C-alpha atoms as a PDB file:
ATOM      1  CA  MET A   1     182.582 113.757 127.351  1.00  0.00           C
ATOM      2  CA  THR A   2     184.185 115.407 123.873  1.00  0.00           C
ATOM      3  CA  LEU A   3     187.794 116.407 123.930  1.00  0.00           C
ATOM      4  CA  ALA A   4     187.990 119.719 121.743  1.00  0.00           C
ATOM      5  CA  ASP A   5     191.269 120.321 120.062  1.00  0.00           C
ATOM      6  CA  THR A   6     192.897 123.712 120.942  1.00  0.00           C
ATOM      7  CA  THR A   7     191.383 125.562 117.995  1.00  0.00           C
ATOM      8  CA  VAL A   8     188.330 125.110 119.471  1.00  0.00           C
ATOM      9  CA  ALA A   9     188.810 126.725 121.539  1.00  0.00           C
ATOM     10  CA  ILE A  10     190.551 129.833 120.364  1.00  0.00           C
ATOM     11  CA  ASP A  11     187.780 130.357 118.457  1.00  0.00           C
ATOM     12  CA  TYR A  12     185.867 130.389 120.426  1.00  0.00           C
ATOM     13  CA  GLU A  13     187.217 131.949 122.702  1.00  0.00           C
ATOM     14  CA  ARG A  14     187.839 135.537 119.631  1.00  0.00           C
ATOM     15  CA  SER A  15     183.976 134.575 118.174  1.00  0.00           C
ATOM     16  CA  ARG A  16     181.888 133.062 121.627  1.00  0.00           C
ATOM     17  CA  SER A  17     179.957 132.352 118.694  1.00  0.00           C
ATOM     18  CA  SER A  18     176.026 130.643 119.374  1.00  0.00           C
ATOM     19  CA  ARG A  19     176.073 128.174 117.356  1.00  0.00           C
ATOM     20  CA  LEU A  20     179.855 126.909 118.992  1.00  0.00           C
ATOM     21  CA  GLN A  21     178.347 128.025 122.196  1.00  0.00           C
ATOM     22  CA  GLN A  22     175.948 125.162 121.929  1.00  0.00           C
ATOM     23  CA  ILE A  23     178.338 122.844 120.182  1.00  0.00           C
ATOM     24  CA  ILE A  24     180.850 122.516 123.335  1.00  0.00           C
ATOM     25  CA  GLN A  25     177.967 122.312 125.552  1.00  0.00           C
ATOM     26  CA  THR A  26     175.834 119.831 123.675  1.00  0.00           C
ATOM     27  CA  HIS A  27     178.340 117.685 123.341  1.00  0.00           C
ATOM     28  CA  ALA A  28     180.425 118.251 126.673  1.00  0.00           C
ATOM     29  CA  ALA A  29     183.249 119.436 124.846  1.00  0.00           C
ATOM     30  CA  ALA A  30     186.184 119.290 127.255  1.00  0.00           C
ATOM     31  CA  VAL A  31     189.641 120.678 127.409  1.00  0.00           C
ATOM     32  CA  CYS A  32     192.729 119.171 129.285  1.00  0.00           C
ATOM     33  CA  GLY A  33     195.820 120.574 130.731  1.00  0.00           C
ATOM     34  CA  ILE A  34     197.940 121.027 127.700  1.00  0.00           C
ATOM     35  CA  THR A  35     194.572 123.019 126.316  1.00  0.00           C
ATOM     36  CA  VAL A  36     195.141 125.444 128.480  1.00  0.00           C
ATOM     37  CA  ALA A  37     198.767 125.451 128.720  1.00  0.00           C
ATOM     38  CA  GLU A  38     198.821 125.756 124.865  1.00  0.00           C
ATOM     39  CA  MET A  39     195.449 129.064 125.445  1.00  0.00           C
ATOM     40  CA  LEU A  40     197.754 130.907 127.554  1.00  0.00           C
ATOM     41  CA  ALA A  41     201.262 130.481 125.798  1.00  0.00           C
ATOM     42  CA  GLY A  42     199.049 133.172 123.299  1.00  0.00           C
ATOM     43  CA  VAL A  43     197.953 135.501 125.645  1.00  0.00           C
ATOM     44  CA  ARG A  44     200.176 138.958 126.121  1.00  0.00           C
ATOM     45  CA  THR A  45     198.336 140.921 128.541  1.00  0.00           C
ATOM     46  CA  ALA A  46     196.376 140.109 131.738  1.00  0.00           C
ATOM     47  CA  LYS A  47     193.110 141.087 130.135  1.00  0.00           C
ATOM     48  CA  ASP A  48     194.168 138.867 127.622  1.00  0.00           C
ATOM     49  CA  GLU A  49     194.484 136.675 130.313  1.00  0.00           C
ATOM     50  CA  ALA A  50     190.883 137.363 131.779  1.00  0.00           C
ATOM     51  CA  ARG A  51     189.360 135.792 128.198  1.00  0.00           C
ATOM     52  CA  SER A  52     191.291 133.112 127.916  1.00  0.00           C
ATOM     53  CA  LEU A  53     190.652 131.986 131.141  1.00  0.00           C
ATOM     54  CA  ALA A  54     186.417 133.483 130.622  1.00  0.00           C
ATOM     55  CA  ALA A  55     186.357 131.101 127.204  1.00  0.00           C
ATOM     56  CA  LEU A  56     188.232 128.214 128.801  1.00  0.00           C
ATOM     57  CA  ALA A  57     185.395 128.678 131.699  1.00  0.00           C
ATOM     58  CA  ASP A  58     182.865 127.290 129.633  1.00  0.00           C
ATOM     59  CA  PHE A  59     184.744 123.522 128.941  1.00  0.00           C
ATOM     60  CA  GLN A  60     184.722 120.674 131.126  1.00  0.00           C
ATOM     61  CA  ARG A  61     187.915 119.839 132.098  1.00  0.00           C
ATOM     62  CA  LEU A  62     189.314 115.974 131.116  1.00  0.00           C
ATOM     63  CA  GLN A  63     192.254 115.216 133.474  1.00  0.00           C
ATOM     64  CA  ILE A  64     194.986 112.906 132.144  1.00  0.00           C
ATOM     65  CA  PRO A  65     197.152 111.214 134.734  1.00  0.00           C
ATOM     66  CA  ASP A  66     200.474 111.103 134.441  1.00  0.00           C
ATOM     67  CA  ALA A  67     200.177 107.131 133.904  1.00  0.00           C
ATOM     68  CA  LEU A  68     199.108 108.321 130.676  1.00  0.00           C
ATOM     69  CA  TRP A  69     201.526 109.932 128.865  1.00  0.00           C
ATOM     70  CA  GLY A  70     204.177 107.386 128.106  1.00  0.00           C
ATOM     71  CA  THR A  71     201.331 105.354 126.008  1.00  0.00           C
ATOM     72  CA  ALA A  72     200.479 108.263 124.612  1.00  0.00           C
ATOM     73  CA  GLY A  73     203.496 109.011 123.054  1.00  0.00           C
ATOM     74  CA  ARG A  74     203.923 105.545 121.856  1.00  0.00           C
ATOM     75  CA  ASN A  75     200.152 105.287 120.264  1.00  0.00           C
ATOM     76  CA  GLN A  76     201.257 108.709 118.745  1.00  0.00           C
ATOM     77  CA  SER A  77     203.940 107.142 117.370  1.00  0.00           C
ATOM     78  CA  LEU A  78     201.935 104.213 116.756  1.00  0.00           C
ATOM     79  CA  LEU A  79     199.381 106.361 114.308  1.00  0.00           C
ATOM     80  CA  LEU A  80     202.388 108.935 112.638  1.00  0.00           C
ATOM     81  CA  SER A  81     203.894 105.917 111.238  1.00  0.00           C
ATOM     82  CA  ARG A  82     200.868 104.469 109.435  1.00  0.00           C
ATOM     83  CA  GLY A  83     200.501 108.331 108.047  1.00  0.00           C
ATOM     84  CA  VAL A  84     198.176 109.338 110.702  1.00  0.00           C
ATOM     85  CA  ILE A  85     199.312 112.586 112.515  1.00  0.00           C
ATOM     86  CA  VAL A  86     196.676 113.770 116.008  1.00  0.00           C
ATOM     87  CA  GLN A  87     197.985 115.761 118.104  1.00  0.00           C
ATOM     88  CA  THR A  88     199.918 115.134 121.415  1.00  0.00           C
ATOM     89  CA  HIS A  89     196.660 115.491 123.986  1.00  0.00           C
ATOM     90  CA  MET A  90     194.763 113.341 120.757  1.00  0.00           C
ATOM     91  CA  ALA A  91     196.911 110.423 121.429  1.00  0.00           C
ATOM     92  CA  ALA A  92     196.498 111.279 125.241  1.00  0.00           C
ATOM     93  CA  ALA A  93     192.811 110.687 125.305  1.00  0.00           C
ATOM     94  CA  SER A  94     192.791 108.064 122.752  1.00  0.00           C
ATOM     95  CA  PHE A  95     190.999 105.988 125.695  1.00  0.00           C
ATOM     96  CA  PRO A  96     187.671 105.022 125.483  1.00  0.00           C
ATOM     97  CA  SER A  97     186.125 107.333 128.228  1.00  0.00           C
ATOM     98  CA  PRO A  98     183.615 106.186 130.818  1.00  0.00           C
ATOM     99  CA  ARG A  99     180.542 106.274 128.602  1.00  0.00           C
ATOM    100  CA  GLY A 100     182.523 104.062 126.146  1.00  0.00           C
ATOM    101  CA  GLN A 101     183.319 106.562 123.462  1.00  0.00           C
ATOM    102  CA  ASN A 102     186.499 107.826 122.208  1.00  0.00           C
ATOM    103  CA  GLU A 103     185.965 111.649 120.882  1.00  0.00           C
ATOM    104  CA  GLY A 104     188.318 114.402 119.724  1.00  0.00           C
ATOM    105  CA  TYR A 105     186.902 117.964 117.941  1.00  0.00           C
ATOM    106  CA  HIS A 106     188.914 119.946 116.196  1.00  0.00           C
ATOM    107  CA  ARG A 107     188.761 122.463 113.292  1.00  0.00           C
ATOM    108  CA  ASN A 108     190.704 122.691 110.550  1.00  0.00           C
ATOM    109  CA  ARG A 109     191.695 126.452 108.397  1.00  0.00           C
ATOM    110  CA  ASN A 110     188.456 126.229 106.946  1.00  0.00           C
ATOM    111  CA  GLY A 111     186.778 126.232 110.718  1.00  0.00           C
ATOM    112  CA  GLN A 112     185.124 122.528 109.427  1.00  0.00           C
ATOM    113  CA  GLY A 113     185.193 120.069 111.919  1.00  0.00           C
END
């Protein structure tokens, strides 16, 4: 499972390209609650909301337990003190997956992952 950044979900919602869909499926891309909230914060109409929810439905969901949010904040603070900038949900997901993998994926402004 790979935790996808909100930028990936936004790009996917906007383009629904077959290439991005293949990446989502191949890497078992997932979103967490923060990503869902960020996506829905950008909706203006019921049609926008339906389009966002349809795009999000193609991602797996990563449940981040409440107990990990304190750890996430401390992880983020430590990383920031060392010059590494990460989003909060990426810091929260910085623990091994069941397969022992820590993966995150985001797209920069140039569309590169």
